N, C-alpha and C. Protein backbone atom coordinates (compact mmCIF):
# COMPACT_ATOMS: atom_id res chain seq x y z
N MET A 1 -4.82 -21.34 -14.81
CA MET A 1 -5.93 -20.52 -14.30
C MET A 1 -6.27 -19.43 -15.30
N SER A 2 -7.55 -19.09 -15.39
CA SER A 2 -8.00 -18.01 -16.26
C SER A 2 -8.85 -17.04 -15.45
N ILE A 3 -9.22 -15.92 -16.06
CA ILE A 3 -10.03 -14.92 -15.36
C ILE A 3 -11.36 -15.53 -14.89
N SER A 4 -11.87 -16.50 -15.62
CA SER A 4 -13.14 -17.13 -15.24
C SER A 4 -13.05 -17.85 -13.90
N GLU A 5 -11.84 -18.08 -13.41
CA GLU A 5 -11.65 -18.75 -12.12
C GLU A 5 -11.37 -17.76 -10.99
N ILE A 6 -11.25 -16.48 -11.32
CA ILE A 6 -11.04 -15.46 -10.30
C ILE A 6 -12.36 -15.18 -9.60
N ASN A 7 -12.35 -15.26 -8.27
CA ASN A 7 -13.58 -15.12 -7.48
C ASN A 7 -13.48 -13.87 -6.60
N ILE A 8 -14.44 -12.97 -6.79
CA ILE A 8 -14.41 -11.67 -6.11
C ILE A 8 -15.72 -11.43 -5.38
N VAL A 9 -15.62 -10.98 -4.12
CA VAL A 9 -16.78 -10.55 -3.35
C VAL A 9 -16.61 -9.06 -3.05
N ALA A 10 -17.67 -8.29 -3.20
CA ALA A 10 -17.66 -6.87 -2.87
C ALA A 10 -18.79 -6.57 -1.91
N PHE A 11 -18.58 -5.59 -1.05
CA PHE A 11 -19.61 -5.15 -0.11
C PHE A 11 -19.86 -3.67 -0.31
N GLY A 12 -21.16 -3.30 -0.30
CA GLY A 12 -21.45 -1.88 -0.46
C GLY A 12 -22.92 -1.54 -0.33
N ASN A 13 -23.25 -0.35 -0.79
CA ASN A 13 -24.58 0.22 -0.64
C ASN A 13 -25.60 -0.49 -1.54
N PRO A 14 -26.82 -0.70 -1.05
CA PRO A 14 -27.83 -1.38 -1.86
C PRO A 14 -28.24 -0.62 -3.12
N ASN A 15 -27.92 0.66 -3.20
CA ASN A 15 -28.25 1.40 -4.43
C ASN A 15 -27.33 1.02 -5.60
N ARG A 16 -26.30 0.24 -5.27
CA ARG A 16 -25.37 -0.26 -6.29
C ARG A 16 -24.78 0.85 -7.16
N GLN A 17 -24.48 1.95 -6.50
CA GLN A 17 -23.86 3.07 -7.20
C GLN A 17 -22.51 3.45 -6.58
N ASP A 18 -21.99 2.57 -5.73
CA ASP A 18 -20.73 2.89 -5.07
C ASP A 18 -19.56 2.25 -5.80
N ASN A 19 -18.36 2.57 -5.35
CA ASN A 19 -17.16 2.12 -6.04
C ASN A 19 -16.93 0.62 -5.95
N ALA A 20 -17.30 0.03 -4.82
CA ALA A 20 -17.12 -1.42 -4.67
C ALA A 20 -17.97 -2.17 -5.69
N PHE A 21 -19.21 -1.73 -5.86
CA PHE A 21 -20.07 -2.39 -6.85
C PHE A 21 -19.54 -2.15 -8.26
N THR A 22 -19.04 -0.96 -8.53
CA THR A 22 -18.52 -0.66 -9.86
C THR A 22 -17.37 -1.59 -10.22
N VAL A 23 -16.45 -1.80 -9.28
CA VAL A 23 -15.34 -2.72 -9.53
C VAL A 23 -15.85 -4.13 -9.72
N SER A 24 -16.82 -4.53 -8.91
CA SER A 24 -17.42 -5.86 -9.06
C SER A 24 -18.06 -6.01 -10.44
N SER A 25 -18.75 -4.98 -10.88
CA SER A 25 -19.42 -5.02 -12.18
C SER A 25 -18.43 -5.11 -13.33
N TYR A 26 -17.37 -4.31 -13.27
CA TYR A 26 -16.33 -4.38 -14.29
C TYR A 26 -15.67 -5.77 -14.29
N SER A 27 -15.43 -6.32 -13.11
CA SER A 27 -14.80 -7.64 -13.01
C SER A 27 -15.70 -8.70 -13.62
N ASP A 28 -16.99 -8.59 -13.36
CA ASP A 28 -17.96 -9.53 -13.93
C ASP A 28 -17.96 -9.43 -15.46
N SER A 29 -17.84 -8.22 -15.97
CA SER A 29 -17.92 -8.02 -17.42
C SER A 29 -16.73 -8.62 -18.17
N ILE A 30 -15.61 -8.81 -17.48
CA ILE A 30 -14.45 -9.42 -18.15
C ILE A 30 -14.31 -10.90 -17.80
N GLY A 31 -15.31 -11.45 -17.09
CA GLY A 31 -15.36 -12.89 -16.92
C GLY A 31 -15.11 -13.45 -15.55
N ALA A 32 -14.83 -12.60 -14.56
CA ALA A 32 -14.60 -13.10 -13.21
C ALA A 32 -15.91 -13.52 -12.56
N GLN A 33 -15.80 -14.37 -11.55
CA GLN A 33 -16.97 -14.74 -10.74
C GLN A 33 -17.11 -13.70 -9.65
N THR A 34 -18.26 -13.07 -9.56
CA THR A 34 -18.45 -11.98 -8.60
C THR A 34 -19.72 -12.17 -7.77
N ARG A 35 -19.67 -11.60 -6.58
CA ARG A 35 -20.84 -11.57 -5.71
C ARG A 35 -20.84 -10.25 -4.97
N PHE A 36 -21.99 -9.59 -4.92
CA PHE A 36 -22.11 -8.31 -4.22
C PHE A 36 -22.97 -8.51 -2.98
N ILE A 37 -22.44 -8.12 -1.83
CA ILE A 37 -23.14 -8.27 -0.55
C ILE A 37 -23.61 -6.91 -0.07
N THR A 38 -24.87 -6.84 0.34
CA THR A 38 -25.41 -5.62 0.92
C THR A 38 -26.54 -6.00 1.87
N CYS A 39 -27.30 -5.01 2.33
CA CYS A 39 -28.41 -5.31 3.23
C CYS A 39 -29.60 -5.86 2.45
N ASN A 40 -30.58 -6.37 3.17
CA ASN A 40 -31.81 -6.84 2.54
C ASN A 40 -32.64 -5.66 2.04
N ASP A 41 -33.56 -5.92 1.14
CA ASP A 41 -34.38 -4.85 0.54
C ASP A 41 -35.22 -4.11 1.57
N ASN A 42 -35.60 -4.80 2.65
CA ASN A 42 -36.48 -4.19 3.65
C ASN A 42 -35.70 -3.54 4.80
N GLU A 43 -34.39 -3.36 4.63
CA GLU A 43 -33.56 -2.79 5.69
C GLU A 43 -32.94 -1.47 5.24
N LEU A 44 -32.70 -0.59 6.21
CA LEU A 44 -31.92 0.61 5.96
C LEU A 44 -30.44 0.24 6.05
N PHE A 45 -29.67 0.68 5.09
CA PHE A 45 -28.26 0.32 5.07
C PHE A 45 -27.55 0.81 6.33
N SER A 46 -27.93 1.96 6.82
CA SER A 46 -27.23 2.57 7.97
C SER A 46 -27.42 1.77 9.25
N THR A 47 -28.52 1.03 9.34
CA THR A 47 -28.84 0.33 10.60
C THR A 47 -29.14 -1.15 10.40
N PHE A 48 -28.80 -1.72 9.24
CA PHE A 48 -29.18 -3.10 8.98
C PHE A 48 -28.46 -4.07 9.91
N ASN A 49 -29.00 -5.26 10.02
CA ASN A 49 -28.44 -6.28 10.92
C ASN A 49 -27.24 -6.93 10.24
N HIS A 50 -26.08 -6.32 10.42
CA HIS A 50 -24.88 -6.82 9.74
C HIS A 50 -24.42 -8.17 10.28
N GLY A 51 -24.91 -8.53 11.47
CA GLY A 51 -24.54 -9.81 12.05
C GLY A 51 -25.08 -11.00 11.29
N LYS A 52 -26.04 -10.76 10.41
CA LYS A 52 -26.60 -11.86 9.62
C LYS A 52 -25.71 -12.26 8.44
N ILE A 53 -24.73 -11.44 8.12
CA ILE A 53 -23.84 -11.77 7.02
C ILE A 53 -22.88 -12.87 7.48
N ASP A 54 -22.85 -13.96 6.77
CA ASP A 54 -21.92 -15.06 7.07
C ASP A 54 -20.62 -14.80 6.31
N TRP A 55 -19.76 -14.00 6.92
CA TRP A 55 -18.53 -13.62 6.24
C TRP A 55 -17.59 -14.81 6.05
N ARG A 56 -17.62 -15.74 6.97
CA ARG A 56 -16.75 -16.90 6.83
C ARG A 56 -17.09 -17.68 5.56
N GLU A 57 -18.40 -17.89 5.35
CA GLU A 57 -18.84 -18.61 4.15
C GLU A 57 -18.63 -17.76 2.91
N SER A 58 -18.89 -16.47 3.02
CA SER A 58 -18.83 -15.59 1.85
C SER A 58 -17.42 -15.38 1.33
N THR A 59 -16.43 -15.46 2.22
CA THR A 59 -15.06 -15.18 1.81
C THR A 59 -14.21 -16.44 1.66
N ASN A 60 -14.78 -17.58 1.98
CA ASN A 60 -14.02 -18.83 1.86
C ASN A 60 -13.70 -19.13 0.40
N GLY A 61 -12.42 -19.28 0.10
CA GLY A 61 -12.01 -19.68 -1.24
C GLY A 61 -11.99 -18.58 -2.29
N ILE A 62 -12.25 -17.33 -1.89
CA ILE A 62 -12.24 -16.25 -2.87
C ILE A 62 -10.83 -15.65 -3.00
N HIS A 63 -10.61 -14.94 -4.09
CA HIS A 63 -9.33 -14.25 -4.28
C HIS A 63 -9.32 -12.87 -3.62
N TRP A 64 -10.42 -12.12 -3.82
CA TRP A 64 -10.44 -10.73 -3.39
C TRP A 64 -11.74 -10.37 -2.68
N LEU A 65 -11.62 -9.56 -1.63
CA LEU A 65 -12.77 -8.91 -1.01
C LEU A 65 -12.58 -7.41 -1.24
N VAL A 66 -13.54 -6.80 -1.93
CA VAL A 66 -13.42 -5.40 -2.35
C VAL A 66 -14.31 -4.51 -1.48
N ASN A 67 -13.72 -3.48 -0.91
CA ASN A 67 -14.46 -2.48 -0.14
C ASN A 67 -14.09 -1.08 -0.61
N SER A 68 -15.00 -0.16 -0.40
CA SER A 68 -14.74 1.26 -0.62
C SER A 68 -14.71 1.96 0.73
N ALA A 69 -13.69 2.76 0.98
CA ALA A 69 -13.55 3.41 2.28
C ALA A 69 -14.76 4.28 2.62
N GLU A 70 -15.42 4.82 1.60
CA GLU A 70 -16.55 5.72 1.85
C GLU A 70 -17.76 4.98 2.45
N THR A 71 -17.78 3.66 2.32
CA THR A 71 -18.90 2.88 2.85
C THR A 71 -19.05 3.07 4.35
N ILE A 72 -17.95 3.26 5.04
CA ILE A 72 -18.02 3.36 6.51
C ILE A 72 -18.72 4.64 6.97
N LEU A 73 -18.87 5.59 6.05
CA LEU A 73 -19.56 6.85 6.38
C LEU A 73 -21.07 6.70 6.37
N SER A 74 -21.57 5.56 5.89
CA SER A 74 -23.03 5.36 5.75
C SER A 74 -23.71 5.00 7.06
N GLY A 75 -22.96 4.69 8.10
CA GLY A 75 -23.56 4.35 9.39
C GLY A 75 -22.74 3.31 10.13
N ASP A 76 -23.13 3.07 11.40
CA ASP A 76 -22.37 2.13 12.22
C ASP A 76 -22.46 0.71 11.69
N SER A 77 -23.61 0.32 11.15
CA SER A 77 -23.76 -1.04 10.65
C SER A 77 -22.86 -1.32 9.44
N PRO A 78 -22.86 -0.46 8.42
CA PRO A 78 -21.92 -0.67 7.31
C PRO A 78 -20.46 -0.67 7.77
N LYS A 79 -20.13 0.23 8.69
CA LYS A 79 -18.76 0.30 9.19
C LYS A 79 -18.37 -1.01 9.87
N SER A 80 -19.28 -1.53 10.71
CA SER A 80 -19.01 -2.80 11.39
C SER A 80 -18.91 -3.95 10.40
N ALA A 81 -19.76 -3.92 9.37
CA ALA A 81 -19.75 -4.98 8.36
C ALA A 81 -18.43 -4.99 7.59
N VAL A 82 -17.94 -3.82 7.23
CA VAL A 82 -16.66 -3.74 6.53
C VAL A 82 -15.56 -4.34 7.40
N GLY A 83 -15.53 -3.95 8.66
CA GLY A 83 -14.51 -4.45 9.57
C GLY A 83 -14.59 -5.96 9.75
N ALA A 84 -15.81 -6.46 9.93
CA ALA A 84 -16.00 -7.91 10.12
C ALA A 84 -15.60 -8.67 8.86
N GLY A 85 -15.98 -8.15 7.70
CA GLY A 85 -15.63 -8.79 6.45
C GLY A 85 -14.13 -8.90 6.27
N MET A 86 -13.42 -7.84 6.60
CA MET A 86 -11.97 -7.84 6.47
C MET A 86 -11.33 -8.84 7.43
N THR A 87 -11.86 -8.90 8.64
CA THR A 87 -11.30 -9.83 9.64
C THR A 87 -11.52 -11.28 9.25
N PHE A 88 -12.77 -11.62 8.92
CA PHE A 88 -13.06 -12.99 8.53
C PHE A 88 -12.40 -13.34 7.19
N GLY A 89 -12.40 -12.38 6.26
CA GLY A 89 -11.78 -12.63 4.98
C GLY A 89 -10.30 -12.95 5.11
N GLU A 90 -9.63 -12.21 5.97
CA GLU A 90 -8.20 -12.46 6.20
C GLU A 90 -7.99 -13.87 6.76
N LEU A 91 -8.84 -14.28 7.69
CA LEU A 91 -8.74 -15.62 8.26
C LEU A 91 -8.98 -16.71 7.21
N GLU A 92 -9.84 -16.41 6.24
CA GLU A 92 -10.17 -17.39 5.20
C GLU A 92 -9.21 -17.35 4.02
N GLY A 93 -8.23 -16.46 4.08
CA GLY A 93 -7.23 -16.40 3.03
C GLY A 93 -7.53 -15.46 1.88
N ALA A 94 -8.62 -14.69 1.98
CA ALA A 94 -8.93 -13.71 0.95
C ALA A 94 -8.00 -12.50 1.09
N LYS A 95 -7.73 -11.85 -0.04
CA LYS A 95 -6.92 -10.64 -0.01
C LYS A 95 -7.83 -9.42 -0.15
N MET A 96 -7.48 -8.36 0.57
CA MET A 96 -8.34 -7.19 0.67
C MET A 96 -7.98 -6.12 -0.34
N VAL A 97 -9.01 -5.62 -1.02
CA VAL A 97 -8.86 -4.46 -1.89
C VAL A 97 -9.62 -3.31 -1.26
N MET A 98 -8.97 -2.17 -1.08
CA MET A 98 -9.62 -0.99 -0.52
C MET A 98 -9.50 0.17 -1.50
N ILE A 99 -10.66 0.76 -1.83
CA ILE A 99 -10.71 1.90 -2.74
C ILE A 99 -10.87 3.18 -1.92
N VAL A 100 -10.05 4.16 -2.19
CA VAL A 100 -10.15 5.45 -1.52
C VAL A 100 -10.58 6.49 -2.53
N ASP A 101 -11.67 7.17 -2.24
CA ASP A 101 -12.20 8.22 -3.10
C ASP A 101 -12.59 9.40 -2.23
N VAL A 102 -12.95 10.50 -2.84
CA VAL A 102 -13.44 11.67 -2.10
C VAL A 102 -14.94 11.48 -1.86
N PRO A 103 -15.38 11.51 -0.60
CA PRO A 103 -16.81 11.31 -0.30
C PRO A 103 -17.68 12.44 -0.84
N GLU A 104 -19.00 12.21 -0.78
CA GLU A 104 -19.96 13.25 -1.20
C GLU A 104 -19.74 14.53 -0.41
N ILE A 105 -19.48 14.40 0.88
CA ILE A 105 -19.08 15.55 1.70
C ILE A 105 -17.56 15.49 1.82
N PRO A 106 -16.83 16.28 1.05
CA PRO A 106 -15.37 16.15 0.97
C PRO A 106 -14.67 16.18 2.32
N GLU A 107 -15.22 16.94 3.26
CA GLU A 107 -14.57 17.06 4.57
C GLU A 107 -14.55 15.72 5.32
N ASP A 108 -15.43 14.79 4.91
CA ASP A 108 -15.49 13.49 5.59
C ASP A 108 -14.35 12.57 5.20
N ILE A 109 -13.50 13.00 4.29
CA ILE A 109 -12.42 12.11 3.88
C ILE A 109 -11.47 11.78 5.03
N SER A 110 -11.38 12.68 6.00
CA SER A 110 -10.51 12.38 7.14
C SER A 110 -11.04 11.19 7.94
N LYS A 111 -12.37 11.01 7.98
CA LYS A 111 -12.96 9.88 8.68
C LYS A 111 -12.73 8.58 7.92
N SER A 112 -13.00 8.61 6.62
CA SER A 112 -12.82 7.39 5.83
C SER A 112 -11.35 7.01 5.75
N TRP A 113 -10.48 7.99 5.61
CA TRP A 113 -9.05 7.71 5.56
C TRP A 113 -8.54 7.20 6.91
N GLY A 114 -9.10 7.73 7.98
CA GLY A 114 -8.73 7.25 9.31
C GLY A 114 -9.06 5.78 9.49
N PHE A 115 -10.19 5.35 8.94
CA PHE A 115 -10.55 3.93 9.00
C PHE A 115 -9.54 3.10 8.22
N VAL A 116 -9.17 3.58 7.04
CA VAL A 116 -8.18 2.86 6.23
C VAL A 116 -6.87 2.70 7.00
N ILE A 117 -6.41 3.77 7.60
CA ILE A 117 -5.17 3.72 8.37
C ILE A 117 -5.26 2.69 9.49
N SER A 118 -6.41 2.64 10.16
CA SER A 118 -6.57 1.71 11.28
C SER A 118 -6.56 0.25 10.83
N ARG A 119 -6.84 0.01 9.55
CA ARG A 119 -6.92 -1.36 9.02
C ARG A 119 -5.85 -1.64 7.96
N ILE A 120 -4.87 -0.77 7.85
CA ILE A 120 -3.99 -0.80 6.68
C ILE A 120 -3.18 -2.09 6.59
N ARG A 121 -2.87 -2.72 7.71
CA ARG A 121 -2.08 -3.95 7.67
C ARG A 121 -2.87 -5.13 7.12
N GLN A 122 -4.19 -4.97 6.99
CA GLN A 122 -5.02 -6.03 6.43
C GLN A 122 -5.23 -5.87 4.92
N ILE A 123 -4.79 -4.75 4.37
CA ILE A 123 -5.08 -4.43 2.97
C ILE A 123 -3.95 -4.93 2.06
N HIS A 124 -4.34 -5.56 0.97
CA HIS A 124 -3.36 -6.08 0.01
C HIS A 124 -3.21 -5.15 -1.20
N VAL A 125 -4.33 -4.59 -1.66
CA VAL A 125 -4.31 -3.62 -2.76
C VAL A 125 -5.05 -2.37 -2.30
N LEU A 126 -4.33 -1.26 -2.23
CA LEU A 126 -4.90 0.03 -1.83
C LEU A 126 -4.92 0.92 -3.06
N PHE A 127 -6.12 1.27 -3.51
CA PHE A 127 -6.28 2.04 -4.75
C PHE A 127 -6.83 3.42 -4.46
N PHE A 128 -6.17 4.44 -5.01
CA PHE A 128 -6.64 5.82 -4.90
C PHE A 128 -7.21 6.28 -6.24
N THR A 129 -8.42 6.83 -6.22
CA THR A 129 -8.92 7.47 -7.43
C THR A 129 -8.07 8.72 -7.67
N PRO A 130 -8.01 9.20 -8.91
CA PRO A 130 -7.17 10.38 -9.18
C PRO A 130 -7.49 11.58 -8.28
N ARG A 131 -8.77 11.83 -8.04
CA ARG A 131 -9.09 12.99 -7.19
C ARG A 131 -8.75 12.75 -5.74
N ALA A 132 -8.73 11.48 -5.31
CA ALA A 132 -8.35 11.17 -3.93
C ALA A 132 -6.86 11.39 -3.70
N LEU A 133 -6.06 11.25 -4.77
CA LEU A 133 -4.63 11.51 -4.62
C LEU A 133 -4.37 12.91 -4.09
N ASP A 134 -5.05 13.90 -4.68
CA ASP A 134 -4.87 15.28 -4.25
C ASP A 134 -5.37 15.48 -2.82
N ALA A 135 -6.52 14.89 -2.51
CA ALA A 135 -7.12 15.09 -1.19
C ALA A 135 -6.26 14.47 -0.09
N ILE A 136 -5.79 13.24 -0.32
CA ILE A 136 -4.97 12.58 0.70
C ILE A 136 -3.59 13.22 0.78
N SER A 137 -3.10 13.71 -0.35
CA SER A 137 -1.83 14.44 -0.34
C SER A 137 -1.88 15.64 0.59
N LYS A 138 -2.97 16.38 0.52
CA LYS A 138 -3.13 17.55 1.40
C LYS A 138 -3.32 17.11 2.85
N LEU A 139 -4.09 16.05 3.05
CA LEU A 139 -4.37 15.57 4.40
C LEU A 139 -3.09 15.08 5.08
N GLU A 140 -2.27 14.35 4.34
CA GLU A 140 -1.05 13.77 4.90
C GLU A 140 0.16 14.71 4.77
N GLN A 141 -0.03 15.81 4.03
CA GLN A 141 1.05 16.77 3.78
C GLN A 141 2.25 16.08 3.12
N ILE A 142 1.93 15.28 2.12
CA ILE A 142 2.93 14.59 1.30
C ILE A 142 2.65 14.97 -0.15
N SER A 143 3.67 15.24 -0.92
CA SER A 143 3.45 15.60 -2.32
C SER A 143 2.77 14.45 -3.06
N VAL A 144 1.98 14.80 -4.06
CA VAL A 144 1.29 13.78 -4.86
C VAL A 144 2.30 12.81 -5.48
N GLU A 145 3.45 13.35 -5.90
CA GLU A 145 4.46 12.53 -6.56
C GLU A 145 5.01 11.44 -5.65
N ASN A 146 5.03 11.71 -4.34
CA ASN A 146 5.61 10.76 -3.38
C ASN A 146 4.57 10.00 -2.57
N LEU A 147 3.29 10.31 -2.79
CA LEU A 147 2.26 9.78 -1.90
C LEU A 147 2.18 8.25 -1.93
N LEU A 148 2.11 7.64 -3.11
CA LEU A 148 1.95 6.20 -3.18
C LEU A 148 3.11 5.48 -2.49
N LYS A 149 4.32 5.92 -2.78
CA LYS A 149 5.49 5.28 -2.18
C LYS A 149 5.52 5.47 -0.67
N GLU A 150 5.19 6.66 -0.22
CA GLU A 150 5.21 6.93 1.22
C GLU A 150 4.16 6.10 1.96
N ILE A 151 2.96 6.01 1.39
CA ILE A 151 1.91 5.21 2.02
C ILE A 151 2.31 3.74 2.05
N ARG A 152 2.91 3.26 0.96
CA ARG A 152 3.34 1.86 0.94
C ARG A 152 4.43 1.60 1.99
N ASN A 153 5.37 2.51 2.09
CA ASN A 153 6.45 2.34 3.05
C ASN A 153 5.94 2.39 4.49
N ARG A 154 4.99 3.26 4.74
CA ARG A 154 4.46 3.39 6.10
C ARG A 154 3.60 2.18 6.49
N GLY A 155 2.73 1.78 5.57
CA GLY A 155 1.75 0.75 5.90
C GLY A 155 2.15 -0.65 5.48
N LEU A 156 3.24 -0.76 4.70
CA LEU A 156 3.70 -2.06 4.20
C LEU A 156 2.60 -2.77 3.40
N VAL A 157 1.79 -1.98 2.69
CA VAL A 157 0.75 -2.55 1.83
C VAL A 157 1.43 -3.13 0.59
N PRO A 158 1.13 -4.38 0.22
CA PRO A 158 1.80 -4.98 -0.93
C PRO A 158 1.65 -4.20 -2.25
N HIS A 159 0.46 -3.60 -2.47
CA HIS A 159 0.23 -2.86 -3.71
C HIS A 159 -0.52 -1.57 -3.38
N VAL A 160 0.09 -0.44 -3.67
CA VAL A 160 -0.56 0.87 -3.53
C VAL A 160 -0.57 1.49 -4.92
N CYS A 161 -1.75 1.84 -5.42
CA CYS A 161 -1.81 2.15 -6.85
C CYS A 161 -2.87 3.20 -7.19
N THR A 162 -2.75 3.69 -8.41
CA THR A 162 -3.75 4.58 -8.99
C THR A 162 -3.70 4.41 -10.50
N TYR A 163 -4.70 4.98 -11.16
CA TYR A 163 -4.70 4.99 -12.64
C TYR A 163 -5.20 6.34 -13.10
N LEU A 164 -4.37 7.00 -13.92
CA LEU A 164 -4.71 8.33 -14.46
C LEU A 164 -5.21 8.14 -15.88
N ASN A 165 -6.52 8.13 -16.05
CA ASN A 165 -7.08 7.78 -17.35
C ASN A 165 -6.78 8.81 -18.43
N ASP A 166 -6.62 10.07 -18.07
CA ASP A 166 -6.32 11.07 -19.09
C ASP A 166 -4.91 10.90 -19.66
N GLU A 167 -4.04 10.22 -18.90
CA GLU A 167 -2.67 9.95 -19.36
C GLU A 167 -2.47 8.48 -19.73
N LYS A 168 -3.50 7.67 -19.53
CA LYS A 168 -3.42 6.22 -19.73
C LYS A 168 -2.28 5.61 -18.91
N LYS A 169 -2.11 6.14 -17.70
CA LYS A 169 -0.96 5.77 -16.87
C LYS A 169 -1.38 5.02 -15.61
N ALA A 170 -0.84 3.80 -15.46
CA ALA A 170 -1.01 3.02 -14.23
C ALA A 170 0.24 3.20 -13.38
N MET A 171 0.05 3.48 -12.10
CA MET A 171 1.17 3.67 -11.18
C MET A 171 0.97 2.76 -9.99
N VAL A 172 1.96 1.91 -9.73
CA VAL A 172 1.87 0.96 -8.63
C VAL A 172 3.17 0.96 -7.84
N GLU A 173 3.06 1.16 -6.54
CA GLU A 173 4.18 0.93 -5.63
C GLU A 173 3.94 -0.43 -4.99
N HIS A 174 4.93 -1.30 -5.08
CA HIS A 174 4.74 -2.66 -4.57
C HIS A 174 5.97 -3.10 -3.80
N SER A 175 5.91 -4.28 -3.22
CA SER A 175 6.97 -4.73 -2.32
C SER A 175 8.30 -4.95 -3.02
N MET A 176 8.28 -5.03 -4.36
CA MET A 176 9.52 -5.26 -5.11
C MET A 176 9.97 -4.03 -5.90
N GLY A 177 9.27 -2.91 -5.72
CA GLY A 177 9.67 -1.70 -6.43
C GLY A 177 8.50 -0.87 -6.90
N SER A 178 8.67 -0.25 -8.04
CA SER A 178 7.66 0.66 -8.60
C SER A 178 7.36 0.27 -10.04
N ALA A 179 6.14 0.52 -10.45
CA ALA A 179 5.76 0.32 -11.85
C ALA A 179 4.99 1.55 -12.33
N CYS A 180 5.38 2.05 -13.48
CA CYS A 180 4.65 3.14 -14.14
C CYS A 180 4.46 2.72 -15.58
N ILE A 181 3.23 2.36 -15.90
CA ILE A 181 2.94 1.72 -17.18
C ILE A 181 1.93 2.54 -17.97
N ILE A 182 2.19 2.77 -19.23
CA ILE A 182 1.23 3.40 -20.12
C ILE A 182 0.44 2.29 -20.81
N THR A 183 -0.87 2.30 -20.63
CA THR A 183 -1.71 1.26 -21.21
C THR A 183 -2.07 1.60 -22.65
N GLU A 184 -2.36 0.58 -23.42
CA GLU A 184 -2.70 0.80 -24.83
C GLU A 184 -4.00 1.57 -24.97
N HIS A 185 -4.97 1.23 -24.12
CA HIS A 185 -6.27 1.90 -24.14
C HIS A 185 -6.45 2.72 -22.87
N SER A 186 -7.31 3.71 -22.94
CA SER A 186 -7.65 4.49 -21.75
C SER A 186 -8.83 3.82 -21.05
N PHE A 187 -8.65 3.52 -19.78
CA PHE A 187 -9.71 2.91 -18.98
C PHE A 187 -10.24 3.92 -17.97
N GLN A 188 -11.46 3.72 -17.54
CA GLN A 188 -11.92 4.41 -16.34
C GLN A 188 -11.10 3.87 -15.17
N PRO A 189 -10.76 4.71 -14.18
CA PRO A 189 -9.88 4.24 -13.10
C PRO A 189 -10.35 2.94 -12.43
N LEU A 190 -11.65 2.83 -12.14
CA LEU A 190 -12.13 1.62 -11.48
C LEU A 190 -12.17 0.43 -12.43
N GLU A 191 -12.29 0.70 -13.72
CA GLU A 191 -12.21 -0.37 -14.71
C GLU A 191 -10.78 -0.92 -14.73
N TRP A 192 -9.80 -0.02 -14.69
CA TRP A 192 -8.41 -0.48 -14.64
C TRP A 192 -8.18 -1.33 -13.38
N LEU A 193 -8.69 -0.87 -12.23
CA LEU A 193 -8.51 -1.62 -10.99
C LEU A 193 -9.10 -3.02 -11.10
N ALA A 194 -10.30 -3.12 -11.68
CA ALA A 194 -10.93 -4.43 -11.85
C ALA A 194 -10.04 -5.33 -12.70
N ARG A 195 -9.50 -4.80 -13.78
CA ARG A 195 -8.64 -5.58 -14.64
C ARG A 195 -7.34 -5.96 -13.92
N TYR A 196 -6.83 -5.05 -13.12
CA TYR A 196 -5.60 -5.30 -12.38
C TYR A 196 -5.76 -6.46 -11.40
N ILE A 197 -6.82 -6.43 -10.60
CA ILE A 197 -6.98 -7.51 -9.61
C ILE A 197 -7.37 -8.83 -10.26
N CYS A 198 -8.03 -8.76 -11.41
CA CYS A 198 -8.36 -10.00 -12.12
C CYS A 198 -7.12 -10.62 -12.76
N ASN A 199 -6.22 -9.78 -13.22
CA ASN A 199 -5.02 -10.27 -13.90
C ASN A 199 -3.87 -10.60 -12.96
N LEU A 200 -3.85 -9.97 -11.79
CA LEU A 200 -2.71 -10.12 -10.89
C LEU A 200 -2.41 -11.58 -10.53
N PRO A 201 -3.44 -12.39 -10.19
CA PRO A 201 -3.12 -13.79 -9.86
C PRO A 201 -2.67 -14.61 -11.07
N LEU A 202 -2.86 -14.07 -12.27
CA LEU A 202 -2.54 -14.80 -13.49
C LEU A 202 -1.23 -14.36 -14.14
N SER A 203 -0.62 -13.31 -13.61
CA SER A 203 0.46 -12.62 -14.33
C SER A 203 1.86 -13.02 -13.91
N GLY A 204 1.97 -13.99 -13.04
CA GLY A 204 3.30 -14.41 -12.60
C GLY A 204 3.76 -13.62 -11.40
N THR A 205 4.96 -13.92 -10.94
CA THR A 205 5.48 -13.32 -9.72
C THR A 205 6.46 -12.20 -10.03
N GLY A 206 6.82 -11.48 -8.98
CA GLY A 206 7.84 -10.45 -9.11
C GLY A 206 7.36 -9.21 -9.83
N SER A 207 8.32 -8.33 -10.12
CA SER A 207 8.02 -7.05 -10.77
C SER A 207 7.39 -7.25 -12.15
N SER A 208 7.82 -8.28 -12.87
CA SER A 208 7.26 -8.51 -14.21
C SER A 208 5.78 -8.88 -14.12
N GLY A 209 5.40 -9.60 -13.08
CA GLY A 209 4.00 -9.95 -12.89
C GLY A 209 3.14 -8.73 -12.64
N VAL A 210 3.65 -7.80 -11.83
CA VAL A 210 2.93 -6.55 -11.57
C VAL A 210 2.79 -5.75 -12.87
N LYS A 211 3.86 -5.65 -13.62
CA LYS A 211 3.81 -4.90 -14.88
C LYS A 211 2.82 -5.51 -15.86
N ASN A 212 2.81 -6.83 -15.94
CA ASN A 212 1.86 -7.49 -16.84
C ASN A 212 0.42 -7.23 -16.42
N ALA A 213 0.16 -7.26 -15.11
CA ALA A 213 -1.19 -7.01 -14.60
C ALA A 213 -1.61 -5.56 -14.87
N CYS A 214 -0.64 -4.65 -14.84
CA CYS A 214 -0.93 -3.22 -15.07
C CYS A 214 -1.47 -2.94 -16.45
N LEU A 215 -1.11 -3.76 -17.41
CA LEU A 215 -1.47 -3.48 -18.80
C LEU A 215 -2.95 -3.58 -19.08
N GLY A 216 -3.68 -4.22 -18.16
CA GLY A 216 -5.14 -4.29 -18.28
C GLY A 216 -5.58 -5.37 -19.23
């Protein structure tokens, strides 16, 4: 298998400026097959008819379904679409990627994080942007140093991770232990995530597979 065989679907805002689209775009640029799902051009994202999305067809045979937690703040329709996509995707064998970032209104992070917590058992890769680490640390009253491990232990998420681009450091808590890897090049955090999920199915099993995927 090669990256060209990795199939990724992302859901997000039609303005294509959200984190899910960014990861999809980075994945496409390194050769993965990608598809971005959003509302029709003549619909408002907050109220669009999310029932028209055929999630069963869209997630059948894919490796990853990528969502950003902030999407649920855009309205009831996007929130319902994210939930439906995760449910159908799980049934179809897709693995879920959830990105946690600080919303435009920082105080809303408790809402987006609450949604993540409610769905955490469905998530396979939980990624925190660097600024989200501090915000969730304060919200959960857990030190930044222990946050990834604590979240993984609580939610049993297979991969809880972040990437600190100023240090070129990838940090992953996973079911077989911990990985802290310095990458050769500095990536944007979402670029690293795209490379990580594209490489993970190709990198072998166990801790060595996680470390290989971390290298980007």
